Amino acid sequence: MMGTKQRAIINGFEPVTIDATQVRCIRPADAAEKLSIGLSTLWLKAKNDSNFPKPFKTGLRTTVFLESELNEYVVACATKARAA
């Protein structure tokens, strides 16, 4: 048995170790609300911004973002803005 830590490949990136007890996936509408942007802006960023977290499918009709990646993106944006 692997316990709570698992190896995962997300969007073709290198394998990472994730603590499954702390992973939270959020739906696009909730991600947009968290970032205070519209849903269409969220999809534009996901498609065109190479630094923006990429969504992934958990089912045929279910797409999610990792909340931790969204949090890291916000921190990176704030750090960049404050440095300017």
N, C-alpha and C. Protein backbone atom coordinates (compact mmCIF):
# COMPACT_ATOMS: atom_id res chain seq x y z
N MET A 1 0.84 -1.18 0.00
CA MET A 1 0.00 0.00 0.00
C MET A 1 0.88 1.24 0.00
N MET A 2 0.51 2.25 -0.78
CA MET A 2 1.34 3.43 -0.94
C MET A 2 1.11 4.48 0.14
N GLY A 3 0.09 4.39 0.94
CA GLY A 3 -0.19 5.44 1.91
C GLY A 3 -0.84 6.63 1.25
N THR A 4 -0.61 7.81 1.81
CA THR A 4 -1.24 9.00 1.26
C THR A 4 -0.40 9.68 0.20
N LYS A 5 0.90 9.35 0.11
CA LYS A 5 1.73 9.96 -0.92
C LYS A 5 1.67 9.14 -2.19
N GLN A 6 1.46 9.82 -3.31
CA GLN A 6 1.34 9.14 -4.58
C GLN A 6 2.16 9.87 -5.62
N ARG A 7 2.62 9.14 -6.64
CA ARG A 7 3.31 9.75 -7.77
C ARG A 7 2.27 10.04 -8.83
N ALA A 8 2.36 11.20 -9.44
CA ALA A 8 1.37 11.55 -10.45
C ALA A 8 2.03 12.32 -11.58
N ILE A 9 1.50 12.13 -12.78
CA ILE A 9 1.92 12.94 -13.92
C ILE A 9 0.72 13.79 -14.30
N ILE A 10 0.93 15.10 -14.27
CA ILE A 10 -0.16 16.02 -14.56
C ILE A 10 0.19 16.80 -15.81
N ASN A 11 -0.67 16.74 -16.81
CA ASN A 11 -0.49 17.46 -18.07
C ASN A 11 0.85 17.17 -18.73
N GLY A 12 1.35 15.95 -18.60
CA GLY A 12 2.59 15.57 -19.26
C GLY A 12 3.86 16.07 -18.60
N PHE A 13 3.76 16.72 -17.45
CA PHE A 13 4.94 17.21 -16.75
C PHE A 13 5.61 16.06 -16.01
N GLU A 14 6.80 16.30 -15.53
CA GLU A 14 7.55 15.30 -14.80
C GLU A 14 6.75 14.78 -13.60
N PRO A 15 6.99 13.56 -13.21
CA PRO A 15 6.31 13.02 -12.04
C PRO A 15 6.61 13.85 -10.80
N VAL A 16 5.61 14.06 -10.00
CA VAL A 16 5.76 14.79 -8.74
C VAL A 16 5.16 13.96 -7.63
N THR A 17 5.65 14.15 -6.43
CA THR A 17 5.07 13.47 -5.29
C THR A 17 4.03 14.38 -4.68
N ILE A 18 2.84 13.86 -4.49
CA ILE A 18 1.76 14.66 -3.93
C ILE A 18 1.25 14.00 -2.66
N ASP A 19 0.96 14.81 -1.70
CA ASP A 19 0.33 14.32 -0.48
C ASP A 19 -1.17 14.38 -0.73
N ALA A 20 -1.79 13.24 -0.97
CA ALA A 20 -3.20 13.18 -1.36
C ALA A 20 -4.13 13.73 -0.30
N THR A 21 -3.67 13.85 0.93
CA THR A 21 -4.54 14.39 1.98
C THR A 21 -4.65 15.90 1.89
N GLN A 22 -3.75 16.55 1.14
CA GLN A 22 -3.76 18.01 1.07
C GLN A 22 -4.06 18.54 -0.32
N VAL A 23 -4.40 17.68 -1.26
CA VAL A 23 -4.72 18.11 -2.61
C VAL A 23 -6.18 18.53 -2.67
N ARG A 24 -6.41 19.70 -3.25
CA ARG A 24 -7.78 20.16 -3.41
C ARG A 24 -7.95 20.60 -4.85
N CYS A 25 -8.87 19.97 -5.54
CA CYS A 25 -9.20 20.32 -6.91
C CYS A 25 -10.42 21.22 -6.89
N ILE A 26 -10.38 22.28 -7.70
CA ILE A 26 -11.55 23.16 -7.75
C ILE A 26 -11.98 23.33 -9.20
N ARG A 27 -13.27 23.44 -9.37
CA ARG A 27 -13.87 23.59 -10.69
C ARG A 27 -13.57 24.97 -11.26
N PRO A 28 -13.64 25.13 -12.58
CA PRO A 28 -13.30 26.40 -13.21
C PRO A 28 -14.08 27.61 -12.66
N ALA A 29 -15.37 27.47 -12.42
CA ALA A 29 -16.13 28.61 -11.90
C ALA A 29 -15.61 29.04 -10.53
N ASP A 30 -15.25 28.08 -9.70
CA ASP A 30 -14.70 28.40 -8.38
C ASP A 30 -13.29 28.98 -8.50
N ALA A 31 -12.52 28.50 -9.46
CA ALA A 31 -11.18 29.05 -9.69
C ALA A 31 -11.28 30.51 -10.13
N ALA A 32 -12.21 30.80 -11.03
CA ALA A 32 -12.39 32.18 -11.50
C ALA A 32 -12.81 33.08 -10.34
N GLU A 33 -13.71 32.59 -9.51
CA GLU A 33 -14.15 33.38 -8.36
C GLU A 33 -12.98 33.61 -7.40
N LYS A 34 -12.19 32.60 -7.16
CA LYS A 34 -11.03 32.70 -6.26
C LYS A 34 -10.06 33.79 -6.75
N LEU A 35 -9.88 33.88 -8.07
CA LEU A 35 -8.96 34.85 -8.66
C LEU A 35 -9.62 36.19 -8.96
N SER A 36 -10.91 36.29 -8.70
CA SER A 36 -11.68 37.52 -8.97
C SER A 36 -11.62 37.92 -10.44
N ILE A 37 -11.75 36.91 -11.31
CA ILE A 37 -11.80 37.15 -12.75
C ILE A 37 -13.01 36.41 -13.31
N GLY A 38 -13.38 36.75 -14.52
CA GLY A 38 -14.48 36.07 -15.17
C GLY A 38 -14.07 34.70 -15.69
N LEU A 39 -15.05 33.88 -15.94
CA LEU A 39 -14.79 32.53 -16.44
C LEU A 39 -14.11 32.55 -17.81
N SER A 40 -14.52 33.47 -18.68
CA SER A 40 -13.89 33.54 -19.99
C SER A 40 -12.43 33.99 -19.87
N THR A 41 -12.14 34.88 -18.92
CA THR A 41 -10.76 35.31 -18.69
C THR A 41 -9.93 34.16 -18.14
N LEU A 42 -10.51 33.35 -17.29
CA LEU A 42 -9.82 32.17 -16.76
C LEU A 42 -9.39 31.27 -17.91
N TRP A 43 -10.29 31.00 -18.85
CA TRP A 43 -9.97 30.12 -19.98
C TRP A 43 -8.94 30.76 -20.91
N LEU A 44 -9.00 32.09 -21.09
CA LEU A 44 -7.99 32.77 -21.90
C LEU A 44 -6.60 32.64 -21.27
N LYS A 45 -6.54 32.83 -19.97
CA LYS A 45 -5.26 32.69 -19.27
C LYS A 45 -4.75 31.25 -19.34
N ALA A 46 -5.63 30.29 -19.15
CA ALA A 46 -5.23 28.88 -19.20
C ALA A 46 -4.67 28.53 -20.59
N LYS A 47 -5.22 29.14 -21.61
CA LYS A 47 -4.80 28.83 -22.98
C LYS A 47 -3.56 29.61 -23.40
N ASN A 48 -3.47 30.88 -22.99
CA ASN A 48 -2.44 31.77 -23.55
C ASN A 48 -1.31 32.15 -22.61
N ASP A 49 -1.49 32.03 -21.31
CA ASP A 49 -0.47 32.44 -20.34
C ASP A 49 0.32 31.21 -19.91
N SER A 50 1.58 31.15 -20.30
CA SER A 50 2.39 29.96 -20.00
C SER A 50 2.65 29.79 -18.51
N ASN A 51 2.51 30.85 -17.72
CA ASN A 51 2.72 30.76 -16.28
C ASN A 51 1.46 30.38 -15.51
N PHE A 52 0.32 30.40 -16.19
CA PHE A 52 -0.95 30.11 -15.53
C PHE A 52 -1.11 28.61 -15.36
N PRO A 53 -1.63 28.17 -14.20
CA PRO A 53 -1.83 26.73 -13.98
C PRO A 53 -2.74 26.12 -15.05
N LYS A 54 -2.38 24.96 -15.50
CA LYS A 54 -3.16 24.28 -16.53
C LYS A 54 -4.20 23.36 -15.88
N PRO A 55 -5.41 23.39 -16.40
CA PRO A 55 -6.46 22.50 -15.87
C PRO A 55 -6.23 21.08 -16.37
N PHE A 56 -6.90 20.15 -15.74
CA PHE A 56 -6.84 18.76 -16.20
C PHE A 56 -8.20 18.12 -15.98
N LYS A 57 -8.45 17.07 -16.73
CA LYS A 57 -9.73 16.38 -16.65
C LYS A 57 -9.68 15.26 -15.62
N THR A 58 -10.72 15.17 -14.81
CA THR A 58 -10.85 14.07 -13.87
C THR A 58 -11.93 13.10 -14.33
N GLY A 59 -12.62 13.45 -15.38
CA GLY A 59 -13.66 12.61 -15.95
C GLY A 59 -13.97 13.10 -17.34
N LEU A 60 -14.93 12.49 -17.99
CA LEU A 60 -15.28 12.89 -19.36
C LEU A 60 -15.75 14.33 -19.44
N ARG A 61 -16.49 14.79 -18.44
CA ARG A 61 -17.05 16.13 -18.48
C ARG A 61 -16.66 16.97 -17.27
N THR A 62 -15.56 16.62 -16.63
CA THR A 62 -15.14 17.33 -15.43
C THR A 62 -13.70 17.81 -15.59
N THR A 63 -13.54 19.13 -15.53
CA THR A 63 -12.22 19.74 -15.60
C THR A 63 -11.98 20.49 -14.30
N VAL A 64 -10.76 20.38 -13.77
CA VAL A 64 -10.44 21.02 -12.49
C VAL A 64 -9.06 21.67 -12.55
N PHE A 65 -8.82 22.54 -11.58
CA PHE A 65 -7.51 23.14 -11.35
C PHE A 65 -7.06 22.70 -9.96
N LEU A 66 -5.75 22.60 -9.76
CA LEU A 66 -5.24 22.35 -8.43
C LEU A 66 -5.18 23.69 -7.69
N GLU A 67 -5.81 23.74 -6.54
CA GLU A 67 -5.87 24.98 -5.79
C GLU A 67 -4.47 25.46 -5.40
N SER A 68 -3.59 24.55 -5.07
CA SER A 68 -2.23 24.94 -4.67
C SER A 68 -1.50 25.65 -5.82
N GLU A 69 -1.73 25.21 -7.06
CA GLU A 69 -1.10 25.87 -8.21
C GLU A 69 -1.68 27.26 -8.42
N LEU A 70 -2.97 27.41 -8.20
CA LEU A 70 -3.59 28.74 -8.31
C LEU A 70 -3.02 29.67 -7.24
N ASN A 71 -2.85 29.16 -6.03
CA ASN A 71 -2.28 29.97 -4.95
C ASN A 71 -0.85 30.41 -5.30
N GLU A 72 -0.05 29.49 -5.84
CA GLU A 72 1.32 29.82 -6.24
C GLU A 72 1.33 30.89 -7.33
N TYR A 73 0.39 30.81 -8.27
CA TYR A 73 0.29 31.80 -9.34
C TYR A 73 -0.01 33.18 -8.78
N VAL A 74 -0.94 33.26 -7.84
CA VAL A 74 -1.29 34.55 -7.23
C VAL A 74 -0.08 35.14 -6.50
N VAL A 75 0.64 34.32 -5.75
CA VAL A 75 1.82 34.79 -5.03
C VAL A 75 2.87 35.30 -6.03
N ALA A 76 3.08 34.57 -7.11
CA ALA A 76 4.06 34.99 -8.12
C ALA A 76 3.67 36.31 -8.76
N CYS A 77 2.38 36.49 -9.05
CA CYS A 77 1.90 37.75 -9.63
C CYS A 77 2.08 38.90 -8.64
N ALA A 78 1.76 38.68 -7.40
CA ALA A 78 1.90 39.72 -6.37
C ALA A 78 3.36 40.08 -6.18
N THR A 79 4.23 39.10 -6.15
CA THR A 79 5.67 39.35 -5.99
C THR A 79 6.21 40.16 -7.15
N LYS A 80 5.80 39.80 -8.37
CA LYS A 80 6.24 40.52 -9.56
C LYS A 80 5.72 41.96 -9.56
N ALA A 81 4.48 42.15 -9.18
CA ALA A 81 3.88 43.48 -9.16
C ALA A 81 4.54 44.38 -8.12
N ARG A 82 4.87 43.81 -6.99
CA ARG A 82 5.49 44.60 -5.91
C ARG A 82 6.94 44.94 -6.22
N ALA A 83 7.59 44.12 -7.02
CA ALA A 83 8.98 44.36 -7.38
C ALA A 83 9.11 45.47 -8.43
N ALA A 84 8.04 45.70 -9.17
CA ALA A 84 8.09 46.69 -10.25
C ALA A 84 7.99 48.12 -9.74
